Amino acid sequence: MKYKGSCHCKAVQFEFESETIEEALQCNCSICIRKNAIMSKQSYEASEFTLLSGEENLGTYHWGDHDVNHHFCKTCGIYPFHDTSYDPGKYRINLGCVDDIEPRELKIIHFDGKNEL
């Protein structure tokens, strides 16, 4: 199935291929808890993910160990997806940015990023 999504102002638009999304991941680390993001449970390979527009409008925020590339729209500030410095090009998607998905209606798996080493 092909999903499409965007940041709030639609400057950043993307699409990705996935099985039907029925589960999501929510992390309690200091940045995720503040973003209140509900993310894709799985990571998507670069071959499954396409940035359709807005590459020039993407900023990247790093925190702490710089493991995660938190990408955000420079205009509206919304975080649509991230990848990691140790596995670049494998994306987790902010499901709140995906058209036709109600992320809070999915089965949410909680990840304890706050206490992970």
PDB file of N, CA and C in Angstrom:
ATOM      1  N   MET A   1       0.845  -1.174   0.000  1.00  0.00           N
ATOM      2  CA  MET A   1       0.000   0.000   0.000  1.00  0.00           C
ATOM      3  C   MET A   1       0.888   1.235   0.000  1.00  0.00           C
ATOM      4  N   LYS A   2       0.483   2.247  -0.726  1.00  0.00           N
ATOM      5  CA  LYS A   2       1.232   3.501  -0.764  1.00  0.00           C
ATOM      6  C   LYS A   2       0.541   4.518   0.136  1.00  0.00           C
ATOM      7  N   TYR A   3       1.317   5.065   1.065  1.00  0.00           N
ATOM      8  CA  TYR A   3       0.840   6.114   1.961  1.00  0.00           C
ATOM      9  C   TYR A   3       1.495   7.428   1.565  1.00  0.00           C
ATOM     10  N   LYS A   4       0.757   8.521   1.743  1.00  0.00           N
ATOM     11  CA  LYS A   4       1.294   9.861   1.495  1.00  0.00           C
ATOM     12  C   LYS A   4       1.162  10.681   2.770  1.00  0.00           C
ATOM     13  N   GLY A   5       2.103  11.620   2.924  1.00  0.00           N
ATOM     14  CA  GLY A   5       2.056  12.472   4.090  1.00  0.00           C
ATOM     15  C   GLY A   5       2.778  13.777   3.864  1.00  0.00           C
ATOM     16  N   SER A   6       2.700  14.640   4.875  1.00  0.00           N
ATOM     17  CA  SER A   6       3.339  15.955   4.777  1.00  0.00           C
ATOM     18  C   SER A   6       3.454  16.563   6.167  1.00  0.00           C
ATOM     19  N   CYS A   7       4.243  17.628   6.231  1.00  0.00           N
ATOM     20  CA  CYS A   7       4.261  18.449   7.437  1.00  0.00           C
ATOM     21  C   CYS A   7       2.946  19.246   7.453  1.00  0.00           C
ATOM     22  N   HIS A   8       2.753  20.091   8.429  1.00  0.00           N
ATOM     23  CA  HIS A   8       1.503  20.847   8.549  1.00  0.00           C
ATOM     24  C   HIS A   8       1.290  21.827   7.398  1.00  0.00           C
ATOM     25  N   CYS A   9       2.338  22.542   7.002  1.00  0.00           N
ATOM     26  CA  CYS A   9       2.196  23.555   5.941  1.00  0.00           C
ATOM     27  C   CYS A   9       2.329  22.965   4.540  1.00  0.00           C
ATOM     28  N   LYS A  10       2.622  21.681   4.452  1.00  0.00           N
ATOM     29  CA  LYS A  10       2.754  20.930   3.201  1.00  0.00           C
ATOM     30  C   LYS A  10       3.995  21.285   2.387  1.00  0.00           C
ATOM     31  N   ALA A  11       4.940  22.009   2.985  1.00  0.00           N
ATOM     32  CA  ALA A  11       6.195  22.289   2.287  1.00  0.00           C
ATOM     33  C   ALA A  11       6.994  20.999   2.106  1.00  0.00           C
ATOM     34  N   VAL A  12       6.917  20.107   3.102  1.00  0.00           N
ATOM     35  CA  VAL A  12       7.593  18.811   3.042  1.00  0.00           C
ATOM     36  C   VAL A  12       6.533  17.747   2.773  1.00  0.00           C
ATOM     37  N   GLN A  13       6.675  17.050   1.643  1.00  0.00           N
ATOM     38  CA  GLN A  13       5.729  15.999   1.284  1.00  0.00           C
ATOM     39  C   GLN A  13       6.495  14.729   0.959  1.00  0.00           C
ATOM     40  N   PHE A  14       5.919  13.595   1.321  1.00  0.00           N
ATOM     41  CA  PHE A  14       6.596  12.311   1.133  1.00  0.00           C
ATOM     42  C   PHE A  14       5.566  11.223   0.897  1.00  0.00           C
ATOM     43  N   GLU A  15       6.057  10.077   0.464  1.00  0.00           N
ATOM     44  CA  GLU A  15       5.226   8.888   0.355  1.00  0.00           C
ATOM     45  C   GLU A  15       6.073   7.681   0.697  1.00  0.00           C
ATOM     46  N   PHE A  16       5.417   6.599   1.067  1.00  0.00           N
ATOM     47  CA  PHE A  16       6.135   5.371   1.391  1.00  0.00           C
ATOM     48  C   PHE A  16       5.240   4.171   1.164  1.00  0.00           C
ATOM     49  N   GLU A  17       5.890   3.051   0.903  1.00  0.00           N
ATOM     50  CA  GLU A  17       5.207   1.778   0.690  1.00  0.00           C
ATOM     51  C   GLU A  17       5.223   0.994   1.986  1.00  0.00           C
ATOM     52  N   SER A  18       4.083   0.384   2.325  1.00  0.00           N
ATOM     53  CA  SER A  18       4.000  -0.379   3.563  1.00  0.00           C
ATOM     54  C   SER A  18       2.826  -1.347   3.491  1.00  0.00           C
ATOM     55  N   GLU A  19       2.931  -2.392   4.293  1.00  0.00           N
ATOM     56  CA  GLU A  19       1.746  -3.195   4.577  1.00  0.00           C
ATOM     57  C   GLU A  19       0.771  -2.268   5.299  1.00  0.00           C
ATOM     58  N   THR A  20      -0.469  -2.665   5.414  1.00  0.00           N
ATOM     59  CA  THR A  20      -1.444  -1.871   6.146  1.00  0.00           C
ATOM     60  C   THR A  20      -0.922  -1.604   7.560  1.00  0.00           C
ATOM     61  N   ILE A  21      -0.948  -0.356   7.961  1.00  0.00           N
ATOM     62  CA  ILE A  21      -0.426   0.031   9.269  1.00  0.00           C
ATOM     63  C   ILE A  21      -1.508  -0.161  10.319  1.00  0.00           C
ATOM     64  N   GLU A  22      -1.233  -1.032  11.283  1.00  0.00           N
ATOM     65  CA  GLU A  22      -2.179  -1.326  12.355  1.00  0.00           C
ATOM     66  C   GLU A  22      -1.594  -1.062  13.731  1.00  0.00           C
ATOM     67  N   GLU A  23      -0.257  -0.930  13.810  1.00  0.00           N
ATOM     68  CA  GLU A  23       0.416  -0.683  15.075  1.00  0.00           C
ATOM     69  C   GLU A  23       1.340   0.515  14.941  1.00  0.00           C
ATOM     70  N   ALA A  24       1.622   1.120  16.069  1.00  0.00           N
ATOM     71  CA  ALA A  24       2.495   2.285  16.098  1.00  0.00           C
ATOM     72  C   ALA A  24       3.399   2.194  17.321  1.00  0.00           C
ATOM     73  N   LEU A  25       4.359   3.087  17.362  1.00  0.00           N
ATOM     74  CA  LEU A  25       5.344   3.120  18.437  1.00  0.00           C
ATOM     75  C   LEU A  25       5.326   4.501  19.068  1.00  0.00           C
ATOM     76  N   GLN A  26       5.361   4.536  20.386  1.00  0.00           N
ATOM     77  CA  GLN A  26       5.466   5.809  21.086  1.00  0.00           C
ATOM     78  C   GLN A  26       6.591   5.683  22.113  1.00  0.00           C
ATOM     79  N   CYS A  27       7.538   6.608  22.032  1.00  0.00           N
ATOM     80  CA  CYS A  27       8.732   6.601  22.868  1.00  0.00           C
ATOM     81  C   CYS A  27       8.590   7.653  23.968  1.00  0.00           C
ATOM     82  N   ASN A  28       9.218   7.390  25.102  1.00  0.00           N
ATOM     83  CA  ASN A  28       9.140   8.331  26.221  1.00  0.00           C
ATOM     84  C   ASN A  28      10.451   9.077  26.473  1.00  0.00           C
ATOM     85  N   CYS A  29      11.376   9.080  25.492  1.00  0.00           N
ATOM     86  CA  CYS A  29      12.606   9.855  25.680  1.00  0.00           C
ATOM     87  C   CYS A  29      12.253  11.339  25.753  1.00  0.00           C
ATOM     88  N   SER A  30      13.198  12.153  26.148  1.00  0.00           N
ATOM     89  CA  SER A  30      12.906  13.569  26.395  1.00  0.00           C
ATOM     90  C   SER A  30      12.400  14.318  25.162  1.00  0.00           C
ATOM     91  N   ILE A  31      12.868  13.970  23.980  1.00  0.00           N
ATOM     92  CA  ILE A  31      12.385  14.686  22.794  1.00  0.00           C
ATOM     93  C   ILE A  31      11.049  14.127  22.306  1.00  0.00           C
ATOM     94  N   CYS A  32      10.909  12.811  22.294  1.00  0.00           N
ATOM     95  CA  CYS A  32       9.655  12.212  21.798  1.00  0.00           C
ATOM     96  C   CYS A  32       8.473  12.555  22.699  1.00  0.00           C
ATOM     97  N   ILE A  33       8.703  12.596  24.000  1.00  0.00           N
ATOM     98  CA  ILE A  33       7.609  12.913  24.918  1.00  0.00           C
ATOM     99  C   ILE A  33       7.153  14.356  24.699  1.00  0.00           C
ATOM    100  N   ARG A  34       8.081  15.238  24.369  1.00  0.00           N
ATOM    101  CA  ARG A  34       7.719  16.631  24.099  1.00  0.00           C
ATOM    102  C   ARG A  34       7.035  16.782  22.745  1.00  0.00           C
ATOM    103  N   LYS A  35       7.452  15.984  21.759  1.00  0.00           N
ATOM    104  CA  LYS A  35       6.800  16.022  20.439  1.00  0.00           C
ATOM    105  C   LYS A  35       5.446  15.321  20.468  1.00  0.00           C
ATOM    106  N   ASN A  36       5.282  14.393  21.419  1.00  0.00           N
ATOM    107  CA  ASN A  36       4.079  13.571  21.512  1.00  0.00           C
ATOM    108  C   ASN A  36       3.823  12.822  20.199  1.00  0.00           C
ATOM    109  N   ALA A  37       4.900  12.406  19.576  1.00  0.00           N
ATOM    110  CA  ALA A  37       4.793  11.744  18.278  1.00  0.00           C
ATOM    111  C   ALA A  37       4.373  10.290  18.428  1.00  0.00           C
ATOM    112  N   ILE A  38       3.555   9.858  17.508  1.00  0.00           N
ATOM    113  CA  ILE A  38       3.214   8.449  17.361  1.00  0.00           C
ATOM    114  C   ILE A  38       3.856   8.024  16.050  1.00  0.00           C
ATOM    115  N   MET A  39       4.857   7.163  16.161  1.00  0.00           N
ATOM    116  CA  MET A  39       5.709   6.825  15.014  1.00  0.00           C
ATOM    117  C   MET A  39       5.355   5.458  14.449  1.00  0.00           C
ATOM    118  N   SER A  40       5.799   5.262  13.227  1.00  0.00           N
ATOM    119  CA  SER A  40       5.661   3.943  12.632  1.00  0.00           C
ATOM    120  C   SER A  40       6.452   2.943  13.460  1.00  0.00           C
ATOM    121  N   LYS A  41       5.894   1.785  13.652  1.00  0.00           N
ATOM    122  CA  LYS A  41       6.587   0.739  14.401  1.00  0.00           C
ATOM    123  C   LYS A  41       7.800   0.260  13.620  1.00  0.00           C
ATOM    124  N   GLN A  42       7.651   0.129  12.332  1.00  0.00           N
ATOM    125  CA  GLN A  42       8.739  -0.350  11.497  1.00  0.00           C
ATOM    126  C   GLN A  42       9.494   0.829  10.876  1.00  0.00           C
ATOM    127  N   SER A  43      10.718   0.547  10.514  1.00  0.00           N
ATOM    128  CA  SER A  43      11.518   1.500   9.746  1.00  0.00           C
ATOM    129  C   SER A  43      11.362   1.152   8.273  1.00  0.00           C
ATOM    130  N   TYR A  44      11.400   2.159   7.437  1.00  0.00           N
ATOM    131  CA  TYR A  44      11.247   1.960   5.999  1.00  0.00           C
ATOM    132  C   TYR A  44      12.562   2.222   5.287  1.00  0.00           C
ATOM    133  N   GLU A  45      12.933   1.315   4.429  1.00  0.00           N
ATOM    134  CA  GLU A  45      14.153   1.433   3.627  1.00  0.00           C
ATOM    135  C   GLU A  45      14.024   2.616   2.670  1.00  0.00           C
ATOM    136  N   ALA A  46      15.147   3.128   2.237  1.00  0.00           N
ATOM    137  CA  ALA A  46      15.155   4.236   1.272  1.00  0.00           C
ATOM    138  C   ALA A  46      14.378   3.869   0.008  1.00  0.00           C
ATOM    139  N   SER A  47      14.396   2.603  -0.381  1.00  0.00           N
ATOM    140  CA  SER A  47      13.666   2.166  -1.579  1.00  0.00           C
ATOM    141  C   SER A  47      12.152   2.189  -1.371  1.00  0.00           C
ATOM    142  N   GLU A  48      11.694   2.261  -0.115  1.00  0.00           N
ATOM    143  CA  GLU A  48      10.264   2.295   0.198  1.00  0.00           C
ATOM    144  C   GLU A  48       9.778   3.712   0.495  1.00  0.00           C
ATOM    145  N   PHE A  49      10.697   4.654   0.620  1.00  0.00           N
ATOM    146  CA  PHE A  49      10.401   6.021   1.041  1.00  0.00           C
ATOM    147  C   PHE A  49      10.831   7.001  -0.034  1.00  0.00           C
ATOM    148  N   THR A  50       9.961   7.959  -0.357  1.00  0.00           N
ATOM    149  CA  THR A  50      10.304   8.991  -1.341  1.00  0.00           C
ATOM    150  C   THR A  50       9.947  10.356  -0.783  1.00  0.00           C
ATOM    151  N   LEU A  51      10.926  11.237  -0.730  1.00  0.00           N
ATOM    152  CA  LEU A  51      10.674  12.627  -0.387  1.00  0.00           C
ATOM    153  C   LEU A  51      10.223  13.304  -1.669  1.00  0.00           C
ATOM    154  N   LEU A  52       8.961  13.702  -1.730  1.00  0.00           N
ATOM    155  CA  LEU A  52       8.390  14.277  -2.953  1.00  0.00           C
ATOM    156  C   LEU A  52       8.737  15.743  -3.123  1.00  0.00           C
ATOM    157  N   SER A  53       8.789  16.477  -2.015  1.00  0.00           N
ATOM    158  CA  SER A  53       9.128  17.898  -2.088  1.00  0.00           C
ATOM    159  C   SER A  53       9.573  18.385  -0.713  1.00  0.00           C
ATOM    160  N   GLY A  54      10.329  19.464  -0.728  1.00  0.00           N
ATOM    161  CA  GLY A  54      10.698  20.134   0.503  1.00  0.00           C
ATOM    162  C   GLY A  54      12.054  19.806   1.087  1.00  0.00           C
ATOM    163  N   GLU A  55      12.913  19.130   0.340  1.00  0.00           N
ATOM    164  CA  GLU A  55      14.229  18.799   0.898  1.00  0.00           C
ATOM    165  C   GLU A  55      14.945  20.041   1.412  1.00  0.00           C
ATOM    166  N   GLU A  56      14.847  21.147   0.675  1.00  0.00           N
ATOM    167  CA  GLU A  56      15.501  22.393   1.078  1.00  0.00           C
ATOM    168  C   GLU A  56      14.852  23.008   2.313  1.00  0.00           C
ATOM    169  N   ASN A  57      13.648  22.551   2.660  1.00  0.00           N
ATOM    170  CA  ASN A  57      12.922  23.085   3.802  1.00  0.00           C
ATOM    171  C   ASN A  57      13.096  22.232   5.062  1.00  0.00           C
ATOM    172  N   LEU A  58      13.855  21.149   4.952  1.00  0.00           N
ATOM    173  CA  LEU A  58      14.068  20.271   6.096  1.00  0.00           C
ATOM    174  C   LEU A  58      15.255  20.725   6.923  1.00  0.00           C
ATOM    175  N   GLY A  59      15.053  20.785   8.223  1.00  0.00           N
ATOM    176  CA  GLY A  59      16.133  20.974   9.173  1.00  0.00           C
ATOM    177  C   GLY A  59      16.325  19.661   9.913  1.00  0.00           C
ATOM    178  N   THR A  60      17.430  19.531  10.596  1.00  0.00           N
ATOM    179  CA  THR A  60      17.698  18.321  11.368  1.00  0.00           C
ATOM    180  C   THR A  60      18.156  18.709  12.762  1.00  0.00           C
ATOM    181  N   TYR A  61      17.524  18.096  13.745  1.00  0.00           N
ATOM    182  CA  TYR A  61      17.870  18.347  15.139  1.00  0.00           C
ATOM    183  C   TYR A  61      18.536  17.102  15.715  1.00  0.00           C
ATOM    184  N   HIS A  62      19.653  17.312  16.409  1.00  0.00           N
ATOM    185  CA  HIS A  62      20.348  16.223  17.098  1.00  0.00           C
ATOM    186  C   HIS A  62      20.344  16.514  18.588  1.00  0.00           C
ATOM    187  N   TRP A  63      20.184  15.461  19.358  1.00  0.00           N
ATOM    188  CA  TRP A  63      20.208  15.603  20.803  1.00  0.00           C
ATOM    189  C   TRP A  63      21.151  14.562  21.383  1.00  0.00           C
ATOM    190  N   GLY A  64      21.830  14.920  22.463  1.00  0.00           N
ATOM    191  CA  GLY A  64      22.638  13.968  23.220  1.00  0.00           C
ATOM    192  C   GLY A  64      23.683  13.267  22.386  1.00  0.00           C
ATOM    193  N   ASP A  65      23.487  11.979  22.157  1.00  0.00           N
ATOM    194  CA  ASP A  65      24.490  11.168  21.470  1.00  0.00           C
ATOM    195  C   ASP A  65      24.449  11.315  19.950  1.00  0.00           C
ATOM    196  N   HIS A  66      23.559  12.142  19.426  1.00  0.00           N
ATOM    197  CA  HIS A  66      23.444  12.417  17.987  1.00  0.00           C
ATOM    198  C   HIS A  66      23.087  11.166  17.188  1.00  0.00           C
ATOM    199  N   ASP A  67      22.487  10.172  17.821  1.00  0.00           N
ATOM    200  CA  ASP A  67      22.110   8.940  17.124  1.00  0.00           C
ATOM    201  C   ASP A  67      20.949   9.134  16.165  1.00  0.00           C
ATOM    202  N   VAL A  68      20.005  10.006  16.510  1.00  0.00           N
ATOM    203  CA  VAL A  68      18.786  10.155  15.714  1.00  0.00           C
ATOM    204  C   VAL A  68      18.807  11.494  14.988  1.00  0.00           C
ATOM    205  N   ASN A  69      18.498  11.438  13.699  1.00  0.00           N
ATOM    206  CA  ASN A  69      18.354  12.634  12.864  1.00  0.00           C
ATOM    207  C   ASN A  69      16.875  13.003  12.864  1.00  0.00           C
ATOM    208  N   HIS A  70      16.487  13.908  13.763  1.00  0.00           N
ATOM    209  CA  HIS A  70      15.095  14.336  13.867  1.00  0.00           C
ATOM    210  C   HIS A  70      14.875  15.411  12.793  1.00  0.00           C
ATOM    211  N   HIS A  71      14.240  15.037  11.698  1.00  0.00           N
ATOM    212  CA  HIS A  71      14.004  15.981  10.602  1.00  0.00           C
ATOM    213  C   HIS A  71      12.725  16.766  10.881  1.00  0.00           C
ATOM    214  N   PHE A  72      12.758  18.058  10.591  1.00  0.00           N
ATOM    215  CA  PHE A  72      11.601  18.911  10.832  1.00  0.00           C
ATOM    216  C   PHE A  72      11.494  19.951   9.726  1.00  0.00           C
ATOM    217  N   CYS A  73      10.283  20.457   9.524  1.00  0.00           N
ATOM    218  CA  CYS A  73      10.041  21.507   8.537  1.00  0.00           C
ATOM    219  C   CYS A  73      10.482  22.845   9.124  1.00  0.00           C
ATOM    220  N   LYS A  74      11.292  23.582   8.394  1.00  0.00           N
ATOM    221  CA  LYS A  74      11.781  24.878   8.863  1.00  0.00           C
ATOM    222  C   LYS A  74      10.680  25.938   8.894  1.00  0.00           C
ATOM    223  N   THR A  75       9.572  25.693   8.188  1.00  0.00           N
ATOM    224  CA  THR A  75       8.478  26.660   8.171  1.00  0.00           C
ATOM    225  C   THR A  75       7.507  26.434   9.317  1.00  0.00           C
ATOM    226  N   CYS A  76       6.955  25.226   9.430  1.00  0.00           N
ATOM    227  CA  CYS A  76       5.923  24.975  10.444  1.00  0.00           C
ATOM    228  C   CYS A  76       6.451  24.258  11.681  1.00  0.00           C
ATOM    229  N   GLY A  77       7.671  23.734  11.618  1.00  0.00           N
ATOM    230  CA  GLY A  77       8.279  23.090  12.774  1.00  0.00           C
ATOM    231  C   GLY A  77       7.882  21.643  13.003  1.00  0.00           C
ATOM    232  N   ILE A  78       7.033  21.107  12.157  1.00  0.00           N
ATOM    233  CA  ILE A  78       6.540  19.745  12.365  1.00  0.00           C
ATOM    234  C   ILE A  78       7.601  18.717  11.990  1.00  0.00           C
ATOM    235  N   TYR A  79       7.662  17.652  12.789  1.00  0.00           N
ATOM    236  CA  TYR A  79       8.572  16.528  12.597  1.00  0.00           C
ATOM    237  C   TYR A  79       7.839  15.442  11.807  1.00  0.00           C
ATOM    238  N   PRO A  80       8.152  15.259  10.519  1.00  0.00           N
ATOM    239  CA  PRO A  80       7.449  14.235   9.734  1.00  0.00           C
ATOM    240  C   PRO A  80       8.098  12.852   9.767  1.00  0.00           C
ATOM    241  N   PHE A  81       9.423  12.790  10.003  1.00  0.00           N
ATOM    242  CA  PHE A  81      10.117  11.498  10.001  1.00  0.00           C
ATOM    243  C   PHE A  81      11.509  11.672  10.566  1.00  0.00           C
ATOM    244  N   HIS A  82      12.150  10.539  10.855  1.00  0.00           N
ATOM    245  CA  HIS A  82      13.546  10.557  11.289  1.00  0.00           C
ATOM    246  C   HIS A  82      14.262   9.322  10.770  1.00  0.00           C
ATOM    247  N   ASP A  83      15.568   9.414  10.752  1.00  0.00           N
ATOM    248  CA  ASP A  83      16.420   8.253  10.526  1.00  0.00           C
ATOM    249  C   ASP A  83      17.534   8.337  11.569  1.00  0.00           C
ATOM    250  N   THR A  84      18.469   7.433  11.526  1.00  0.00           N
ATOM    251  CA  THR A  84      19.517   7.430  12.545  1.00  0.00           C
ATOM    252  C   THR A  84      20.893   7.575  11.900  1.00  0.00           C
ATOM    253  N   SER A  85      21.826   8.055  12.687  1.00  0.00           N
ATOM    254  CA  SER A  85      23.192   8.216  12.168  1.00  0.00           C
ATOM    255  C   SER A  85      23.845   6.854  11.957  1.00  0.00           C
ATOM    256  N   TYR A  86      23.433   5.837  12.711  1.00  0.00           N
ATOM    257  CA  TYR A  86      24.018   4.507  12.549  1.00  0.00           C
ATOM    258  C   TYR A  86      23.315   3.680  11.481  1.00  0.00           C
ATOM    259  N   ASP A  87      22.161   4.135  10.994  1.00  0.00           N
ATOM    260  CA  ASP A  87      21.438   3.439   9.932  1.00  0.00           C
ATOM    261  C   ASP A  87      20.721   4.467   9.057  1.00  0.00           C
ATOM    262  N   PRO A  88      21.470   5.394   8.439  1.00  0.00           N
ATOM    263  CA  PRO A  88      20.831   6.456   7.650  1.00  0.00           C
ATOM    264  C   PRO A  88      20.046   5.879   6.477  1.00  0.00           C
ATOM    265  N   GLY A  89      18.955   6.551   6.155  1.00  0.00           N
ATOM    266  CA  GLY A  89      18.137   6.097   5.034  1.00  0.00           C
ATOM    267  C   GLY A  89      17.125   5.034   5.397  1.00  0.00           C
ATOM    268  N   LYS A  90      16.989   4.702   6.677  1.00  0.00           N
ATOM    269  CA  LYS A  90      15.911   3.838   7.168  1.00  0.00           C
ATOM    270  C   LYS A  90      15.033   4.726   8.037  1.00  0.00           C
ATOM    271  N   TYR A  91      13.843   5.003   7.548  1.00  0.00           N
ATOM    272  CA  TYR A  91      13.003   6.033   8.141  1.00  0.00           C
ATOM    273  C   TYR A  91      11.894   5.477   9.017  1.00  0.00           C
ATOM    274  N   ARG A  92      11.661   6.154  10.129  1.00  0.00           N
ATOM    275  CA  ARG A  92      10.439   5.980  10.903  1.00  0.00           C
ATOM    276  C   ARG A  92       9.604   7.222  10.627  1.00  0.00           C
ATOM    277  N   ILE A  93       8.329   7.017  10.472  1.00  0.00           N
ATOM    278  CA  ILE A  93       7.422   8.079  10.052  1.00  0.00           C
ATOM    279  C   ILE A  93       6.573   8.537  11.234  1.00  0.00           C
ATOM    280  N   ASN A  94       6.383   9.838  11.358  1.00  0.00           N
ATOM    281  CA  ASN A  94       5.424  10.391  12.310  1.00  0.00           C
ATOM    282  C   ASN A  94       4.047  10.150  11.698  1.00  0.00           C
ATOM    283  N   LEU A  95       3.291   9.202  12.251  1.00  0.00           N
ATOM    284  CA  LEU A  95       2.018   8.813  11.651  1.00  0.00           C
ATOM    285  C   LEU A  95       0.967   9.909  11.728  1.00  0.00           C
ATOM    286  N   GLY A  96       1.178  10.914  12.556  1.00  0.00           N
ATOM    287  CA  GLY A  96       0.291  12.074  12.570  1.00  0.00           C
ATOM    288  C   GLY A  96       0.415  12.920  11.308  1.00  0.00           C
ATOM    289  N   CYS A  97       1.461  12.681  10.538  1.00  0.00           N
ATOM    290  CA  CYS A  97       1.687  13.415   9.285  1.00  0.00           C
ATOM    291  C   CYS A  97       1.207  12.639   8.062  1.00  0.00           C
ATOM    292  N   VAL A  98       0.648  11.458   8.269  1.00  0.00           N
ATOM    293  CA  VAL A  98       0.251  10.598   7.156  1.00  0.00           C
ATOM    294  C   VAL A  98      -1.237  10.759   6.887  1.00  0.00           C
ATOM    295  N   ASP A  99      -1.572  10.995   5.624  1.00  0.00           N
ATOM    296  CA  ASP A  99      -2.970  11.135   5.220  1.00  0.00           C
ATOM    297  C   ASP A  99      -3.733   9.847   5.505  1.00  0.00           C
ATOM    298  N   ASP A 100      -4.964   9.993   5.934  1.00  0.00           N
ATOM    299  CA  ASP A 100      -5.906   8.878   6.101  1.00  0.00           C
ATOM    300  C   ASP A 100      -5.508   7.875   7.174  1.00  0.00           C
ATOM    301  N   ILE A 101      -4.696   8.281   8.143  1.00  0.00           N
ATOM    302  CA  ILE A 101      -4.394   7.444   9.310  1.00  0.00           C
ATOM    303  C   ILE A 101      -4.794   8.224  10.557  1.00  0.00           C
ATOM    304  N   GLU A 102      -5.466   7.551  11.469  1.00  0.00           N
ATOM    305  CA  GLU A 102      -5.773   8.118  12.786  1.00  0.00           C
ATOM    306  C   GLU A 102      -4.823   7.449  13.774  1.00  0.00           C
ATOM    307  N   PRO A 103      -3.665   8.041  14.042  1.00  0.00           N
ATOM    308  CA  PRO A 103      -2.638   7.347  14.826  1.00  0.00           C
ATOM    309  C   PRO A 103      -3.088   6.928  16.217  1.00  0.00           C
ATOM    310  N   ARG A 104      -3.945   7.685  16.856  1.00  0.00           N
ATOM    311  CA  ARG A 104      -4.374   7.337  18.214  1.00  0.00           C
ATOM    312  C   ARG A 104      -5.361   6.174  18.242  1.00  0.00           C
ATOM    313  N   GLU A 105      -5.833   5.756  17.070  1.00  0.00           N
ATOM    314  CA  GLU A 105      -6.723   4.591  16.980  1.00  0.00           C
ATOM    315  C   GLU A 105      -5.947   3.298  16.724  1.00  0.00           C
ATOM    316  N   LEU A 106      -4.644   3.402  16.484  1.00  0.00           N
ATOM    317  CA  LEU A 106      -3.811   2.225  16.253  1.00  0.00           C
ATOM    318  C   LEU A 106      -3.424   1.585  17.585  1.00  0.00           C
ATOM    319  N   LYS A 107      -3.015   0.341  17.538  1.00  0.00           N
ATOM    320  CA  LYS A 107      -2.446  -0.297  18.719  1.00  0.00           C
ATOM    321  C   LYS A 107      -1.074   0.347  18.932  1.00  0.00           C
ATOM    322  N   ILE A 108      -0.871   0.972  20.085  1.00  0.00           N
ATOM    323  CA  ILE A 108       0.376   1.695  20.344  1.00  0.00           C
ATOM    324  C   ILE A 108       1.268   0.876  21.269  1.00  0.00           C
ATOM    325  N   ILE A 109       2.477   0.648  20.810  1.00  0.00           N
ATOM    326  CA  ILE A 109       3.490  -0.047  21.588  1.00  0.00           C
ATOM    327  C   ILE A 109       4.383   1.021  22.206  1.00  0.00           C
ATOM    328  N   HIS A 110       4.568   0.948  23.510  1.00  0.00           N
ATOM    329  CA  HIS A 110       5.370   1.942  24.213  1.00  0.00           C
ATOM    330  C   HIS A 110       6.819   1.475  24.292  1.00  0.00           C
ATOM    331  N   PHE A 111       7.722   2.382  23.930  1.00  0.00           N
ATOM    332  CA  PHE A 111       9.152   2.104  23.948  1.00  0.00           C
ATOM    333  C   PHE A 111       9.795   2.974  25.020  1.00  0.00           C
ATOM    334  N   ASP A 112      10.574   2.365  25.904  1.00  0.00           N
ATOM    335  CA  ASP A 112      11.194   3.094  27.002  1.00  0.00           C
ATOM    336  C   ASP A 112      12.539   3.676  26.572  1.00  0.00           C
ATOM    337  N   GLY A 113      12.504   4.682  25.720  1.00  0.00           N
ATOM    338  CA  GLY A 113      13.709   5.361  25.278  1.00  0.00           C
ATOM    339  C   GLY A 113      14.350   6.198  26.363  1.00  0.00           C
ATOM    340  N   LYS A 114      13.587   6.551  27.361  1.00  0.00           N
ATOM    341  CA  LYS A 114      14.086   7.355  28.475  1.00  0.00           C
ATOM    342  C   LYS A 114      15.156   6.593  29.257  1.00  0.00           C
ATOM    343  N   ASN A 115      14.985   5.289  29.398  1.00  0.00           N
ATOM    344  CA  ASN A 115      15.895   4.495  30.223  1.00  0.00           C
ATOM    345  C   ASN A 115      16.793   3.568  29.405  1.00  0.00           C
ATOM    346  N   GLU A 116      16.725   3.658  28.076  1.00  0.00           N
ATOM    347  CA  GLU A 116      17.617   2.857  27.221  1.00  0.00           C
ATOM    348  C   GLU A 116      19.024   3.407  27.326  1.00  0.00           C
ATOM    349  N   LEU A 117      19.992   2.545  27.273  1.00  0.00           N
ATOM    350  CA  LEU A 117      21.378   2.996  27.322  1.00  0.00           C
ATOM    351  C   LEU A 117      21.907   3.277  25.948  1.00  0.00           C
TER     352      LEU A 117
END
